[in-house]
Protein backbone atom coordinates (compact mmCIF):
# COMPACT_ATOMS: atom_id res chain seq x y z
CA UNK A 1 5.25 34.96 11.97
CA UNK A 2 6.92 31.64 12.87
CA UNK A 3 5.93 28.50 10.94
CA UNK A 4 2.54 27.40 12.30
CA UNK A 5 3.75 23.84 12.85
CA UNK A 6 6.40 25.12 15.24
CA UNK A 7 3.83 26.73 17.54
CA UNK A 8 1.45 25.65 20.26
CA UNK A 9 -1.80 27.53 20.76
CA UNK A 10 -3.32 28.20 24.20
CA UNK A 11 -6.93 29.38 24.49
CA UNK A 12 -9.15 29.08 27.54
CA UNK A 13 -8.32 25.77 29.27
CA UNK A 14 -7.13 24.22 25.98
CA UNK A 15 -3.73 23.62 24.39
CA UNK A 16 -3.56 22.81 20.69
CA UNK A 17 -0.36 21.30 19.26
CA UNK A 18 -0.58 20.94 15.44
CA UNK A 19 2.89 19.38 15.29
CA UNK A 20 1.84 16.32 17.30
CA UNK A 21 -1.85 16.44 16.41
CA UNK A 22 -2.85 16.73 20.09
CA UNK A 23 -5.54 18.78 21.82
CA UNK A 24 -5.42 18.96 25.64
CA UNK A 25 -7.77 20.40 28.24
CA UNK A 26 -6.15 21.29 31.55
CA UNK A 27 -3.22 19.04 30.69
CA UNK A 28 -5.47 16.06 29.81
CA UNK A 29 -5.37 14.84 26.22
CA UNK A 30 -8.75 14.79 24.48
CA UNK A 31 -9.85 12.20 21.93
CA UNK A 32 -9.71 14.04 18.62
CA UNK A 33 -8.76 12.71 15.20
CA UNK A 34 -6.18 14.45 13.06
CA UNK A 35 -8.71 16.07 10.74
CA UNK A 36 -10.47 17.71 13.67
CA UNK A 37 -7.16 18.98 15.08
CA UNK A 38 -6.18 20.30 11.64
CA UNK A 39 -9.53 22.12 11.35
CA UNK A 40 -9.04 23.80 14.72
CA UNK A 41 -5.48 24.75 13.80
CA UNK A 42 -6.71 26.29 10.53
CA UNK A 43 -9.05 28.71 12.32
CA UNK A 44 -7.09 29.22 15.56
CA UNK A 45 -3.94 30.35 13.78
CA UNK A 46 -6.02 33.03 12.00
CA UNK A 47 -7.60 34.20 15.27
CA UNK A 48 -10.04 37.04 14.84
CA UNK A 49 -10.17 36.63 11.05
CA UNK A 50 -12.93 34.95 9.09
CA UNK A 51 -11.83 31.71 7.42
CA UNK A 52 -14.02 31.09 4.39
CA UNK A 53 -15.99 27.89 3.86
CA UNK A 54 -14.44 27.59 0.42
CA UNK A 55 -10.92 27.61 1.88
CA UNK A 56 -11.82 24.97 4.47
CA UNK A 57 -13.56 22.74 1.94
CA UNK A 58 -10.57 22.88 -0.41
CA UNK A 59 -8.22 22.14 2.47
CA UNK A 60 -10.04 19.10 3.81
CA UNK A 61 -11.80 17.71 0.72
CA UNK A 62 -9.65 18.74 -2.24
CA UNK A 63 -10.76 15.92 -4.54
CA UNK A 64 -14.50 16.43 -3.96
CA UNK A 65 -16.98 19.04 -5.02
CA UNK A 66 -18.01 21.26 -2.11
CA UNK A 67 -20.03 19.30 0.43
CA UNK A 68 -21.56 21.59 3.01
CA UNK A 69 -22.64 18.67 5.17
CA UNK A 70 -19.03 17.47 5.63
CA UNK A 71 -17.87 20.87 6.87
CA UNK A 72 -20.97 21.34 9.03
CA UNK A 73 -20.30 17.98 10.70
CA UNK A 74 -16.66 18.92 11.32
CA UNK A 75 -17.67 22.27 12.86
CA UNK A 76 -20.30 20.54 15.01
CA UNK A 77 -17.69 18.04 16.25
CA UNK A 78 -15.25 20.85 17.08
CA UNK A 79 -17.90 22.74 19.06
CA UNK A 80 -18.91 19.63 20.94
CA UNK A 81 -15.27 18.92 21.80
CA UNK A 82 -14.77 22.47 23.12
CA UNK A 83 -18.15 22.64 24.87
CA UNK A 84 -19.10 25.59 22.69
CA UNK A 85 -22.65 26.83 22.07
CA UNK A 86 -23.28 28.13 18.52
CA UNK A 87 -26.03 30.46 19.86
CA UNK A 88 -23.61 32.08 22.34
CA UNK A 89 -20.15 31.08 21.09
CA UNK A 90 -16.99 31.46 23.16
CA UNK A 91 -14.66 29.89 20.59
CA UNK A 92 -16.10 29.39 17.07
CA UNK A 93 -18.33 32.07 15.60
CA UNK A 94 -20.32 31.40 12.44
CA UNK A 95 -20.19 34.21 9.87
CA UNK A 96 -23.31 33.62 7.81
CA UNK A 97 -22.53 32.85 4.14
CA UNK A 98 -18.86 33.66 4.81
CA UNK A 99 -17.22 31.10 7.08
CA UNK A 100 -15.97 30.83 10.64
CA UNK A 101 -13.98 33.00 13.02
CA UNK A 102 -12.12 31.96 16.18
CA UNK A 103 -13.02 34.59 18.78
CA UNK A 104 -11.34 33.37 21.98
CA UNK A 105 -8.03 35.08 22.92
CA UNK A 106 -5.10 32.93 21.80
CA UNK A 107 -1.51 32.76 23.03
CA UNK A 108 1.16 31.40 20.71
CA UNK A 109 4.07 29.59 22.33
CA UNK A 110 7.03 28.32 20.27
CA UNK A 111 7.62 24.56 20.49
CA UNK A 112 11.00 23.79 22.15
CA UNK A 113 13.85 23.16 19.73
CA UNK A 114 14.25 19.57 20.88
CA UNK A 115 10.70 18.83 19.74
CA UNK A 116 11.33 20.44 16.36
CA UNK A 117 14.16 17.95 16.01
CA UNK A 118 11.50 15.21 15.95
CA UNK A 119 10.64 16.09 12.38
CA UNK A 120 14.26 15.76 11.26
CA UNK A 121 14.50 12.39 12.98
CA UNK A 122 11.25 11.27 11.36
CA UNK A 123 12.57 12.17 7.91
CA UNK A 124 15.78 10.25 8.58
CA UNK A 125 13.80 7.16 9.65
CA UNK A 126 11.62 7.49 6.54
CA UNK A 127 14.67 7.52 4.27
CA UNK A 128 16.07 4.38 5.90
CA UNK A 129 12.66 2.71 5.79
CA UNK A 130 12.15 3.48 2.09
CA UNK A 131 15.55 2.01 1.26
CA UNK A 132 14.63 -1.23 3.06
CA UNK A 133 11.13 -1.31 1.57
CA UNK A 134 12.54 -0.94 -1.96
CA UNK A 135 14.43 -4.25 -1.56
CA UNK A 136 11.09 -6.12 -1.30
CA UNK A 137 12.54 -9.04 0.65
CA UNK A 138 10.52 -10.38 3.63
CA UNK A 139 13.08 -9.27 6.20
CA UNK A 140 13.49 -5.82 4.59
CA UNK A 141 9.72 -5.28 4.50
CA UNK A 142 9.46 -6.10 8.21
CA UNK A 143 12.34 -3.72 8.98
CA UNK A 144 10.69 -0.95 6.96
CA UNK A 145 7.49 -1.27 9.03
CA UNK A 146 9.50 -0.83 12.23
CA UNK A 147 11.41 2.15 10.83
CA UNK A 148 8.27 3.89 9.59
CA UNK A 149 6.70 3.30 13.01
CA UNK A 150 9.65 5.01 14.64
CA UNK A 151 9.24 7.94 12.24
CA UNK A 152 5.57 8.25 13.21
CA UNK A 153 6.51 8.18 16.89
CA UNK A 154 9.00 11.01 16.34
CA UNK A 155 6.52 13.10 14.33
CA UNK A 156 2.87 12.00 14.15
CA UNK A 157 2.20 14.70 11.56
CA UNK A 158 4.69 13.29 9.03
CA UNK A 159 2.39 12.21 6.18
CA UNK A 160 5.24 10.47 4.34
CA UNK A 161 5.76 8.18 7.32
CA UNK A 162 2.09 7.16 7.40
CA UNK A 163 2.04 6.67 3.63
CA UNK A 164 5.32 4.75 3.70
CA UNK A 165 4.06 2.40 6.39
CA UNK A 166 0.86 1.89 4.38
CA UNK A 167 2.99 0.76 1.42
CA UNK A 168 4.99 -1.52 3.71
CA UNK A 169 1.76 -3.16 4.96
CA UNK A 170 0.70 -3.58 1.32
CA UNK A 171 3.96 -5.34 0.53
CA UNK A 172 3.49 -7.52 3.62
CA UNK A 173 0.16 -8.61 2.15
CA UNK A 174 1.54 -9.19 -1.34
CA UNK A 175 4.52 -11.19 -0.06
CA UNK A 176 2.27 -13.28 2.23
CA UNK A 177 3.85 -12.04 5.46
CA UNK A 178 0.34 -11.40 6.81
CA UNK A 179 -3.18 -12.50 5.79
CA UNK A 180 -4.74 -10.06 3.31
CA UNK A 181 -7.29 -8.65 5.78
CA UNK A 182 -4.58 -7.91 8.36
CA UNK A 183 -2.17 -6.33 5.90
CA UNK A 184 -4.46 -4.35 3.62
CA UNK A 185 -6.77 -3.01 6.33
CA UNK A 186 -3.72 -1.70 8.20
CA UNK A 187 -2.53 -0.16 4.93
CA UNK A 188 -5.92 1.48 4.42
CA UNK A 189 -5.86 2.97 7.93
CA UNK A 190 -2.35 4.40 7.54
CA UNK A 191 -3.11 5.78 4.07
CA UNK A 192 -6.20 7.52 5.48
CA UNK A 193 -4.08 9.11 8.23
CA UNK A 194 -1.58 10.32 5.63
CA UNK A 195 -4.37 11.85 3.55
CA UNK A 196 -5.89 13.58 6.58
CA UNK A 197 -2.56 15.31 7.13
CA UNK A 198 -1.74 15.98 3.46
CA UNK A 199 -4.77 15.48 1.18
CA UNK A 200 -2.79 16.21 -1.99
CA UNK A 201 0.23 14.03 -1.23
CA UNK A 202 0.66 11.88 -4.35
CA UNK A 203 2.34 9.07 -2.40
CA UNK A 204 -0.61 8.82 -0.01
CA UNK A 205 -3.10 8.74 -2.88
CA UNK A 206 -1.08 5.88 -4.39
CA UNK A 207 -1.04 4.06 -1.04
CA UNK A 208 -4.83 4.15 -0.87
CA UNK A 209 -5.18 3.14 -4.53
CA UNK A 210 -3.15 -0.02 -3.93
CA UNK A 211 -5.63 -1.09 -1.25
CA UNK A 212 -8.57 -0.38 -3.57
CA UNK A 213 -6.91 -2.54 -6.22
CA UNK A 214 -5.50 -5.44 -4.20
CA UNK A 215 -8.11 -5.84 -1.47
CA UNK A 216 -11.31 -4.17 -2.71
CA UNK A 217 -10.73 -5.06 -6.37
CA UNK A 218 -12.28 -1.72 -7.34
CA UNK A 219 -10.49 -1.30 -10.65
CA UNK A 220 -12.21 1.94 -11.72
CA UNK A 221 -11.54 3.76 -8.45
CA UNK A 222 -7.97 2.49 -8.26
CA UNK A 223 -7.23 3.60 -11.82
CA UNK A 224 -8.69 7.04 -11.13
CA UNK A 225 -6.47 7.46 -8.08
CA UNK A 226 -3.29 6.17 -9.73
CA UNK A 227 -3.91 8.59 -12.61
CA UNK A 228 -4.57 11.49 -10.23
CA UNK A 229 -1.37 10.73 -8.29
CA UNK A 230 0.64 10.68 -11.52
CA UNK A 231 -0.74 14.10 -12.47
CA UNK A 232 0.51 15.38 -9.11
CA UNK A 233 3.84 13.55 -9.36
CA UNK A 234 4.66 12.01 -12.78
CA UNK A 235 7.86 10.48 -11.37
CA UNK A 236 6.29 7.97 -8.98
CA UNK A 237 7.30 4.43 -10.05
CA UNK A 238 5.00 2.83 -7.46
CA UNK A 239 2.01 4.44 -9.18
CA UNK A 240 3.04 2.98 -12.55
CA UNK A 241 3.62 -0.35 -10.79
CA UNK A 242 0.04 -0.15 -9.49
CA UNK A 243 -1.32 0.63 -12.95
CA UNK A 244 0.58 -2.36 -14.33
CA UNK A 245 -1.01 -4.68 -11.78
CA UNK A 246 -4.41 -3.15 -12.52
CA UNK A 247 -4.02 -3.94 -16.23
CA UNK A 248 -2.99 -7.49 -15.31
CA UNK A 249 -6.22 -7.80 -13.33
CA UNK A 250 -8.18 -6.54 -16.33
CA UNK A 251 -6.49 -9.08 -18.61
CA UNK A 252 -4.44 -6.49 -20.52
CA UNK A 253 -0.82 -7.62 -20.05
CA UNK A 254 0.44 -5.57 -23.01
CA UNK A 255 -0.67 -2.35 -21.32
CA UNK A 256 0.78 -3.65 -18.04
CA UNK A 257 4.19 -4.07 -19.69
CA UNK A 258 4.03 -0.49 -21.03
CA UNK A 259 3.20 0.84 -17.55
CA UNK A 260 6.05 -1.11 -15.98
CA UNK A 261 8.42 0.19 -18.66
CA UNK A 262 7.58 3.73 -17.51
CA UNK A 263 8.29 2.72 -13.91
CA UNK A 264 11.61 1.16 -14.92
CA UNK A 265 12.62 4.28 -16.88
CA UNK A 266 12.37 6.29 -13.66
CA UNK A 267 14.79 3.97 -11.87
CA UNK A 268 16.53 1.76 -14.40
CA UNK A 269 19.10 0.38 -11.94
CA UNK A 270 16.43 -1.15 -9.70
CA UNK A 271 16.61 -4.93 -9.63
CA UNK A 272 13.03 -5.09 -8.43
CA UNK A 273 11.63 -2.91 -11.23
CA UNK A 274 13.54 -4.95 -13.80
CA UNK A 275 12.02 -8.09 -12.30
CA UNK A 276 8.51 -6.61 -12.35
CA UNK A 277 8.98 -5.58 -15.97
CA UNK A 278 10.13 -9.13 -16.70
CA UNK A 279 7.00 -10.48 -15.04
CA UNK A 280 4.71 -8.15 -17.02
CA UNK A 281 6.34 -9.35 -20.26
CA UNK A 282 5.96 -12.94 -19.04
CA UNK A 283 2.24 -12.34 -18.38
CA UNK A 284 2.04 -11.12 -21.99
CA UNK A 285 3.65 -14.42 -23.13
CA UNK A 286 6.66 -12.45 -24.41
CA UNK A 287 9.13 -14.94 -22.98
CA UNK A 288 12.34 -13.93 -24.76
CA UNK A 289 12.13 -10.30 -23.64
CA UNK A 290 11.01 -11.41 -20.19
CA UNK A 291 14.12 -13.56 -19.86
CA UNK A 292 16.33 -10.62 -20.88
CA UNK A 293 14.80 -8.40 -18.19
CA UNK A 294 15.03 -11.08 -15.52
CA UNK A 295 18.71 -11.52 -16.33
CA UNK A 296 19.22 -7.75 -16.01
CA UNK A 297 17.62 -7.89 -12.57
CA UNK A 298 20.01 -10.67 -11.56
CA UNK A 299 22.95 -8.77 -13.02
CA UNK A 300 22.07 -5.90 -10.64
CA UNK A 301 21.59 -8.28 -7.70
CA UNK A 302 22.64 -11.94 -8.16
CA UNK A 303 21.09 -12.81 -4.78
CA UNK A 304 17.65 -11.44 -5.62
CA UNK A 305 15.08 -14.18 -5.02
CA UNK A 306 12.33 -12.51 -7.06
CA UNK A 307 14.67 -12.23 -10.06
CA UNK A 308 15.44 -15.96 -9.92
CA UNK A 309 11.72 -16.74 -9.59
CA UNK A 310 10.91 -14.61 -12.65
CA UNK A 311 13.57 -16.29 -14.75
CA UNK A 312 12.50 -19.72 -13.47
CA UNK A 313 8.89 -19.08 -14.52
CA UNK A 314 9.99 -17.96 -17.98
CA UNK A 315 12.14 -21.05 -18.43
CA UNK A 316 9.20 -23.26 -17.44
CA UNK A 317 7.13 -21.81 -20.28
CA UNK A 318 10.05 -22.24 -22.67
CA UNK A 319 10.32 -25.90 -21.74
CA UNK A 320 13.73 -25.49 -20.07
CA UNK A 321 12.69 -27.51 -17.04
CA UNK A 322 16.12 -28.19 -15.56
CA UNK A 323 17.18 -24.52 -15.69
CA UNK A 324 13.78 -23.46 -14.38
CA UNK A 325 13.97 -25.74 -11.35
CA UNK A 326 17.52 -24.59 -10.62
CA UNK A 327 16.43 -20.93 -10.42
CA UNK A 328 13.29 -21.71 -8.42
CA UNK A 329 15.24 -23.82 -5.91
CA UNK A 330 17.66 -20.93 -5.50
CA UNK A 331 14.72 -18.51 -5.08
CA UNK A 332 13.40 -20.71 -2.26
CA UNK A 333 16.74 -20.71 -0.45
CA UNK A 334 17.32 -16.99 -0.89
CA UNK A 335 13.81 -16.14 0.34
CA UNK A 336 14.10 -18.32 3.43
CA UNK A 337 11.42 -20.73 2.25
CA UNK A 338 8.78 -18.20 1.18
CA UNK A 339 5.39 -19.88 0.51
CA UNK A 340 5.34 -18.01 -2.81
CA UNK A 341 8.60 -19.57 -3.98
CA UNK A 342 7.69 -22.98 -2.59
CA UNK A 343 4.40 -22.96 -4.48
CA UNK A 344 6.17 -22.11 -7.73
CA UNK A 345 8.77 -24.81 -7.12
CA UNK A 346 6.08 -27.41 -6.37
CA UNK A 347 4.43 -26.54 -9.69
CA UNK A 348 7.77 -26.93 -11.48
CA UNK A 349 8.45 -30.30 -9.82
CA UNK A 350 4.99 -31.53 -10.77
CA UNK A 351 5.39 -30.33 -14.37
CA UNK A 352 8.73 -32.15 -14.64
CA UNK A 353 7.12 -35.37 -13.25
CA UNK A 354 8.96 -35.19 -9.91
CA UNK A 355 5.75 -36.08 -8.11
CA UNK A 356 7.30 -37.00 -4.76
CA UNK A 357 9.06 -33.64 -4.42
CA UNK A 358 5.95 -31.72 -5.47
CA UNK A 359 3.79 -33.65 -3.00
CA UNK A 360 6.33 -33.04 -0.23
CA UNK A 361 6.13 -29.26 -0.71
CA UNK A 362 2.33 -29.40 -0.90
CA UNK A 363 2.20 -31.23 2.45
CA UNK A 364 4.61 -28.69 3.96
CA UNK A 365 2.54 -25.73 2.79
CA UNK A 366 -0.74 -27.35 3.88
CA UNK A 367 0.64 -28.03 7.37
CA UNK A 368 2.01 -24.50 7.62
CA UNK A 369 -1.39 -23.13 6.69
CA UNK A 370 -3.19 -25.38 9.19
CA UNK A 371 -0.78 -24.55 12.02
CA UNK A 372 -1.02 -20.78 11.33
CA UNK A 373 2.76 -20.44 11.64
CA UNK A 374 2.91 -18.08 8.67
CA UNK A 375 0.27 -17.09 6.18
CA UNK A 376 0.09 -19.33 3.11
CA UNK A 377 -2.11 -18.06 0.32
CA UNK A 378 -4.32 -20.81 -1.19
CA UNK A 379 -3.15 -19.49 -4.57
CA UNK A 380 0.17 -21.30 -4.12
CA UNK A 381 -1.49 -24.49 -2.97
CA UNK A 382 -3.44 -24.23 -6.23
CA UNK A 383 -0.19 -24.01 -8.23
CA UNK A 384 1.17 -27.10 -6.46
CA UNK A 385 -2.04 -29.02 -7.21
CA UNK A 386 -1.97 -27.84 -10.83
CA UNK A 387 1.59 -29.12 -11.23
CA UNK A 388 0.31 -32.50 -10.06
CA UNK A 389 -2.48 -32.23 -12.69
CA UNK A 390 -5.24 -32.16 -10.07
CA UNK A 391 -7.23 -29.41 -11.73
CA UNK A 392 -10.34 -29.67 -9.56
CA UNK A 393 -8.21 -29.22 -6.43
CA UNK A 394 -6.44 -26.25 -8.03
CA UNK A 395 -9.76 -24.50 -8.73
CA UNK A 396 -10.89 -25.25 -5.17
CA UNK A 397 -7.86 -23.42 -3.76
CA UNK A 398 -8.20 -20.55 -6.23
CA UNK A 399 -11.75 -20.04 -4.93
CA UNK A 400 -10.38 -19.94 -1.39
CA UNK A 401 -7.80 -17.34 -2.44
CA UNK A 402 -10.61 -15.30 -3.98
CA UNK A 403 -12.65 -15.45 -0.76
CA UNK A 404 -9.63 -14.46 1.34
CA UNK A 405 -9.09 -11.44 -0.92
CA UNK A 406 -5.59 -12.51 -1.85
CA UNK A 407 -4.20 -10.04 -4.37
CA UNK A 408 -2.77 -13.01 -6.31
CA UNK A 409 -6.15 -13.66 -7.90
CA UNK A 410 -5.54 -10.53 -9.98
CA UNK A 411 -3.31 -12.78 -12.12
CA UNK A 412 -6.06 -15.27 -13.01
CA UNK A 413 -6.72 -13.76 -16.45
CA UNK A 414 -3.10 -13.68 -17.61
CA UNK A 415 -0.88 -16.13 -15.64
CA UNK A 416 0.54 -18.65 -18.17
CA UNK A 417 0.72 -21.47 -15.61
CA UNK A 418 -3.08 -21.32 -15.41
CA UNK A 419 -3.59 -21.72 -19.17
CA UNK A 420 -4.48 -25.39 -18.72
CA UNK A 421 -7.54 -24.32 -16.69
CA UNK A 422 -8.99 -21.89 -19.21
CA UNK A 423 -11.44 -24.44 -20.62
CA UNK A 424 -12.66 -25.42 -17.13
CA UNK A 425 -16.21 -24.14 -16.48
CA UNK A 426 -15.52 -23.70 -12.74
CA UNK A 427 -12.47 -21.58 -13.54
CA UNK A 428 -14.45 -19.54 -16.08
CA UNK A 429 -17.12 -18.89 -13.42
CA UNK A 430 -14.41 -17.64 -11.06
CA UNK A 431 -13.16 -15.20 -13.69
CA UNK A 432 -16.66 -13.74 -14.02
CA UNK A 433 -16.61 -12.86 -10.30
CA UNK A 434 -13.24 -11.06 -10.54
């Protein structure tokens, strides 16, 4: 029998195309989500045979204990879509205590070869997109979103494309390319589509876990999902990266550094993973080792803005203000004036008593935020204010970042630049809400 994803099924006035996730009636596309199409495909392709409830429950809810209501709802939706009557079925017959059987005559028609080529094109776009996404620069993240979108257009059933685009939206939120609600809610939607297609895809589980961590701040659920994904695929550095950020949010930077070390071991040549390991060590106040890792990241890619920012932050804590400012200025130029890098630089200028320069950046970021040209997280306005020793203003902006669900508030418990606020009662109250 040919691969089921290379077939179309015709029954009555309906055409079911599992490859594209489309159900048509008389040539008109019906509104049906992917899970509903997948359910129909599961019983139609086994026409005349009983498909057990247990099989269907495992297929569509693999991580849950059997929930009869979920399957009953799905069957009810399918019958409603087909205009079927359970008392006198033409399509879906209930086999009491056994499952369901598709009883309408079905014709199988192979999908034309040119359409099969869509999957190959989708995979090619995914590979290009992942390469761009792995660079973690603003322009590369934007390119990866476009490439993943092209992959989805070529093959809407490609779960890796949906999961990849979810991760790209997550990075857009983390790098302040979009407001958190825009970025993370898009990531959640794409991750859900990936999981509807492939419920056991480790990458999709990780994609959803990142949203639970960064946007929902549901540490327990995120940890459960990262751990589950690593059981399915122990060689997923993005899952270890997520666990590291989770431990940062919990105020356990030592465990974060160990998680990032595992991520780095999977891809030691990655400039970005070296930089993230450097940052985890920095959060743990292990500045000498953090500097070593940041330098390794820059050895791999001398033009890597994040690497320069990491080394600049370490030098600030070591009191090497001139070297720190040099790296942070370079990070700003290389990133095209990222609000993240500008906020760090403003803090460095303020710390080194260059008040005029720090104030100039603060005005620039404030205007950019007011004008809605690009998203500016209040977290980086807080850093600028903190560099100018205006602690009450810094806490005010940190509260705004918390309300906007900026993922940057996950660093409140460990970020060394915030150590001067730890005795502030307003800051302590904010930590209790995290």
